[in-house]
Amino acid sequence: MGQTDSQFKAFIRFVLDALKEAIQEKDEEKRKAKMEKIIENLQKTLED
């Protein structure tokens, strides 16, 4: 079953917030871990 426009926009907002949070991380290791988590979540979403 497909997503509605509002559901898709909510998903995009979630991804943008996660990316903004990762970008603001000063510690390089923590930033990398956050980016890897975002990538992992996006991959899981594609596989569902």
PDB file of N, CA and C in Angstrom:
ATOM      1  N   MET A   1       0.844  -1.177   0.000  1.00  0.00           N
ATOM      2  CA  MET A   1       0.000   0.000   0.000  1.00  0.00           C
ATOM      3  C   MET A   1       0.890   1.240   0.000  1.00  0.00           C
ATOM      4  N   GLY A   2       0.532   2.246  -0.766  1.00  0.00           N
ATOM      5  CA  GLY A   2       1.323   3.460  -0.905  1.00  0.00           C
ATOM      6  C   GLY A   2       1.134   4.435   0.241  1.00  0.00           C
ATOM      7  N   GLN A   3       1.977   5.431   0.245  1.00  0.00           N
ATOM      8  CA  GLN A   3       1.903   6.477   1.256  1.00  0.00           C
ATOM      9  C   GLN A   3       1.096   7.660   0.731  1.00  0.00           C
ATOM     10  N   THR A   4       0.490   8.355   1.652  1.00  0.00           N
ATOM     11  CA  THR A   4      -0.151   9.608   1.282  1.00  0.00           C
ATOM     12  C   THR A   4       0.935  10.689   1.200  1.00  0.00           C
ATOM     13  N   ASP A   5       0.610  11.798   0.595  1.00  0.00           N
ATOM     14  CA  ASP A   5       1.564  12.909   0.521  1.00  0.00           C
ATOM     15  C   ASP A   5       1.999  13.348   1.915  1.00  0.00           C
ATOM     16  N   SER A   6       1.067  13.416   2.844  1.00  0.00           N
ATOM     17  CA  SER A   6       1.419  13.878   4.193  1.00  0.00           C
ATOM     18  C   SER A   6       2.316  12.867   4.902  1.00  0.00           C
ATOM     19  N   GLN A   7       2.115  11.578   4.663  1.00  0.00           N
ATOM     20  CA  GLN A   7       2.987  10.561   5.264  1.00  0.00           C
ATOM     21  C   GLN A   7       4.395  10.670   4.679  1.00  0.00           C
ATOM     22  N   PHE A   8       4.483  10.882   3.385  1.00  0.00           N
ATOM     23  CA  PHE A   8       5.790  11.025   2.741  1.00  0.00           C
ATOM     24  C   PHE A   8       6.505  12.266   3.250  1.00  0.00           C
ATOM     25  N   LYS A   9       5.785  13.367   3.385  1.00  0.00           N
ATOM     26  CA  LYS A   9       6.382  14.600   3.899  1.00  0.00           C
ATOM     27  C   LYS A   9       6.871  14.413   5.334  1.00  0.00           C
ATOM     28  N   ALA A  10       6.127  13.683   6.137  1.00  0.00           N
ATOM     29  CA  ALA A  10       6.544  13.399   7.514  1.00  0.00           C
ATOM     30  C   ALA A  10       7.840  12.594   7.520  1.00  0.00           C
ATOM     31  N   PHE A  11       7.955  11.637   6.616  1.00  0.00           N
ATOM     32  CA  PHE A  11       9.163  10.837   6.501  1.00  0.00           C
ATOM     33  C   PHE A  11      10.355  11.719   6.110  1.00  0.00           C
ATOM     34  N   ILE A  12      10.146  12.599   5.150  1.00  0.00           N
ATOM     35  CA  ILE A  12      11.209  13.506   4.718  1.00  0.00           C
ATOM     36  C   ILE A  12      11.629  14.421   5.866  1.00  0.00           C
ATOM     37  N   ARG A  13      10.669  14.923   6.640  1.00  0.00           N
ATOM     38  CA  ARG A  13      10.990  15.762   7.797  1.00  0.00           C
ATOM     39  C   ARG A  13      11.855  14.998   8.790  1.00  0.00           C
ATOM     40  N   PHE A  14      11.522  13.720   9.023  1.00  0.00           N
ATOM     41  CA  PHE A  14      12.304  12.886   9.927  1.00  0.00           C
ATOM     42  C   PHE A  14      13.746  12.762   9.433  1.00  0.00           C
ATOM     43  N   VAL A  15      13.913  12.496   8.150  1.00  0.00           N
ATOM     44  CA  VAL A  15      15.256  12.341   7.578  1.00  0.00           C
ATOM     45  C   VAL A  15      16.024  13.661   7.675  1.00  0.00           C
ATOM     46  N   LEU A  16      15.389  14.766   7.339  1.00  0.00           N
ATOM     47  CA  LEU A  16      16.048  16.072   7.428  1.00  0.00           C
ATOM     48  C   LEU A  16      16.482  16.393   8.852  1.00  0.00           C
ATOM     49  N   ASP A  17      15.619  16.136   9.817  1.00  0.00           N
ATOM     50  CA  ASP A  17      15.968  16.381  11.216  1.00  0.00           C
ATOM     51  C   ASP A  17      17.161  15.531  11.643  1.00  0.00           C
ATOM     52  N   ALA A  18      17.166  14.263  11.245  1.00  0.00           N
ATOM     53  CA  ALA A  18      18.270  13.375  11.597  1.00  0.00           C
ATOM     54  C   ALA A  18      19.575  13.861  10.963  1.00  0.00           C
ATOM     55  N   LEU A  19      19.514  14.290   9.706  1.00  0.00           N
ATOM     56  CA  LEU A  19      20.714  14.793   9.033  1.00  0.00           C
ATOM     57  C   LEU A  19      21.219  16.088   9.671  1.00  0.00           C
ATOM     58  N   LYS A  20      20.305  16.990  10.010  1.00  0.00           N
ATOM     59  CA  LYS A  20      20.695  18.239  10.659  1.00  0.00           C
ATOM     60  C   LYS A  20      21.373  17.963  11.999  1.00  0.00           C
ATOM     61  N   GLU A  21      20.831  17.025  12.746  1.00  0.00           N
ATOM     62  CA  GLU A  21      21.410  16.662  14.040  1.00  0.00           C
ATOM     63  C   GLU A  21      22.812  16.080  13.849  1.00  0.00           C
ATOM     64  N   ALA A  22      22.969  15.226  12.859  1.00  0.00           N
ATOM     65  CA  ALA A  22      24.276  14.619  12.599  1.00  0.00           C
ATOM     66  C   ALA A  22      25.294  15.667  12.181  1.00  0.00           C
ATOM     67  N   ILE A  23      24.884  16.599  11.363  1.00  0.00           N
ATOM     68  CA  ILE A  23      25.795  17.648  10.874  1.00  0.00           C
ATOM     69  C   ILE A  23      26.286  18.528  12.020  1.00  0.00           C
ATOM     70  N   GLN A  24      25.447  18.732  13.027  1.00  0.00           N
ATOM     71  CA  GLN A  24      25.812  19.599  14.141  1.00  0.00           C
ATOM     72  C   GLN A  24      26.722  18.918  15.153  1.00  0.00           C
ATOM     73  N   GLU A  25      26.877  17.608  15.041  1.00  0.00           N
ATOM     74  CA  GLU A  25      27.719  16.859  15.965  1.00  0.00           C
ATOM     75  C   GLU A  25      29.181  17.267  15.775  1.00  0.00           C
ATOM     76  N   LYS A  26      29.828  17.664  16.841  1.00  0.00           N
ATOM     77  CA  LYS A  26      31.221  18.116  16.774  1.00  0.00           C
ATOM     78  C   LYS A  26      32.192  16.934  16.727  1.00  0.00           C
ATOM     79  N   ASP A  27      31.891  15.895  17.479  1.00  0.00           N
ATOM     80  CA  ASP A  27      32.764  14.726  17.552  1.00  0.00           C
ATOM     81  C   ASP A  27      32.636  13.897  16.265  1.00  0.00           C
ATOM     82  N   GLU A  28      33.752  13.726  15.570  1.00  0.00           N
ATOM     83  CA  GLU A  28      33.733  13.037  14.278  1.00  0.00           C
ATOM     84  C   GLU A  28      33.227  11.603  14.382  1.00  0.00           C
ATOM     85  N   GLU A  29      33.612  10.891  15.421  1.00  0.00           N
ATOM     86  CA  GLU A  29      33.159   9.499  15.586  1.00  0.00           C
ATOM     87  C   GLU A  29      31.651   9.440  15.822  1.00  0.00           C
ATOM     88  N   LYS A  30      31.142  10.347  16.635  1.00  0.00           N
ATOM     89  CA  LYS A  30      29.699  10.386  16.894  1.00  0.00           C
ATOM     90  C   LYS A  30      28.936  10.781  15.629  1.00  0.00           C
ATOM     91  N   ARG A  31      29.501  11.737  14.872  1.00  0.00           N
ATOM     92  CA  ARG A  31      28.863  12.164  13.622  1.00  0.00           C
ATOM     93  C   ARG A  31      28.790  10.992  12.644  1.00  0.00           C
ATOM     94  N   LYS A  32      29.885  10.264  12.536  1.00  0.00           N
ATOM     95  CA  LYS A  32      29.914   9.106  11.638  1.00  0.00           C
ATOM     96  C   LYS A  32      28.894   8.057  12.080  1.00  0.00           C
ATOM     97  N   ALA A  33      28.804   7.811  13.376  1.00  0.00           N
ATOM     98  CA  ALA A  33      27.849   6.836  13.897  1.00  0.00           C
ATOM     99  C   ALA A  33      26.411   7.268  13.592  1.00  0.00           C
ATOM    100  N   LYS A  34      26.129   8.559  13.744  1.00  0.00           N
ATOM    101  CA  LYS A  34      24.785   9.061  13.452  1.00  0.00           C
ATOM    102  C   LYS A  34      24.456   8.909  11.974  1.00  0.00           C
ATOM    103  N   MET A  35      25.426   9.230  11.114  1.00  0.00           N
ATOM    104  CA  MET A  35      25.200   9.097   9.669  1.00  0.00           C
ATOM    105  C   MET A  35      24.994   7.630   9.282  1.00  0.00           C
ATOM    106  N   GLU A  36      25.762   6.744   9.885  1.00  0.00           N
ATOM    107  CA  GLU A  36      25.597   5.315   9.605  1.00  0.00           C
ATOM    108  C   GLU A  36      24.217   4.826  10.040  1.00  0.00           C
ATOM    109  N   LYS A  37      23.727   5.350  11.164  1.00  0.00           N
ATOM    110  CA  LYS A  37      22.390   4.973  11.648  1.00  0.00           C
ATOM    111  C   LYS A  37      21.320   5.473  10.672  1.00  0.00           C
ATOM    112  N   ILE A  38      21.472   6.680  10.171  1.00  0.00           N
ATOM    113  CA  ILE A  38      20.525   7.220   9.192  1.00  0.00           C
ATOM    114  C   ILE A  38      20.517   6.333   7.947  1.00  0.00           C
ATOM    115  N   ILE A  39      21.704   5.989   7.461  1.00  0.00           N
ATOM    116  CA  ILE A  39      21.813   5.128   6.282  1.00  0.00           C
ATOM    117  C   ILE A  39      21.162   3.775   6.538  1.00  0.00           C
ATOM    118  N   GLU A  40      21.420   3.211   7.705  1.00  0.00           N
ATOM    119  CA  GLU A  40      20.824   1.915   8.065  1.00  0.00           C
ATOM    120  C   GLU A  40      19.297   2.001   8.070  1.00  0.00           C
ATOM    121  N   ASN A  41      18.767   3.057   8.655  1.00  0.00           N
ATOM    122  CA  ASN A  41      17.301   3.225   8.700  1.00  0.00           C
ATOM    123  C   ASN A  41      16.715   3.395   7.306  1.00  0.00           C
ATOM    124  N   LEU A  42      17.392   4.145   6.443  1.00  0.00           N
ATOM    125  CA  LEU A  42      16.915   4.330   5.077  1.00  0.00           C
ATOM    126  C   LEU A  42      16.941   2.992   4.314  1.00  0.00           C
ATOM    127  N   GLN A  43      17.997   2.215   4.517  1.00  0.00           N
ATOM    128  CA  GLN A  43      18.090   0.912   3.855  1.00  0.00           C
ATOM    129  C   GLN A  43      16.968  -0.008   4.306  1.00  0.00           C
ATOM    130  N   LYS A  44      16.694  -0.019   5.613  1.00  0.00           N
ATOM    131  CA  LYS A  44      15.594  -0.846   6.140  1.00  0.00           C
ATOM    132  C   LYS A  44      14.260  -0.409   5.541  1.00  0.00           C
ATOM    133  N   THR A  45      14.083   0.895   5.371  1.00  0.00           N
ATOM    134  CA  THR A  45      12.846   1.410   4.797  1.00  0.00           C
ATOM    135  C   THR A  45      12.683   0.902   3.356  1.00  0.00           C
ATOM    136  N   LEU A  46      13.777   0.883   2.605  1.00  0.00           N
ATOM    137  CA  LEU A  46      13.718   0.393   1.227  1.00  0.00           C
ATOM    138  C   LEU A  46      13.377  -1.096   1.171  1.00  0.00           C
ATOM    139  N   GLU A  47      13.815  -1.842   2.157  1.00  0.00           N
ATOM    140  CA  GLU A  47      13.615  -3.283   2.174  1.00  0.00           C
ATOM    141  C   GLU A  47      12.226  -3.688   2.652  1.00  0.00           C
ATOM    142  N   ASP A  48      11.518  -2.795   3.299  1.00  0.00           N
ATOM    143  CA  ASP A  48      10.157  -3.105   3.803  1.00  0.00           C
ATOM    144  C   ASP A  48       9.166  -3.201   2.670  1.00  0.00           C
TER     145      ASP A  48
END
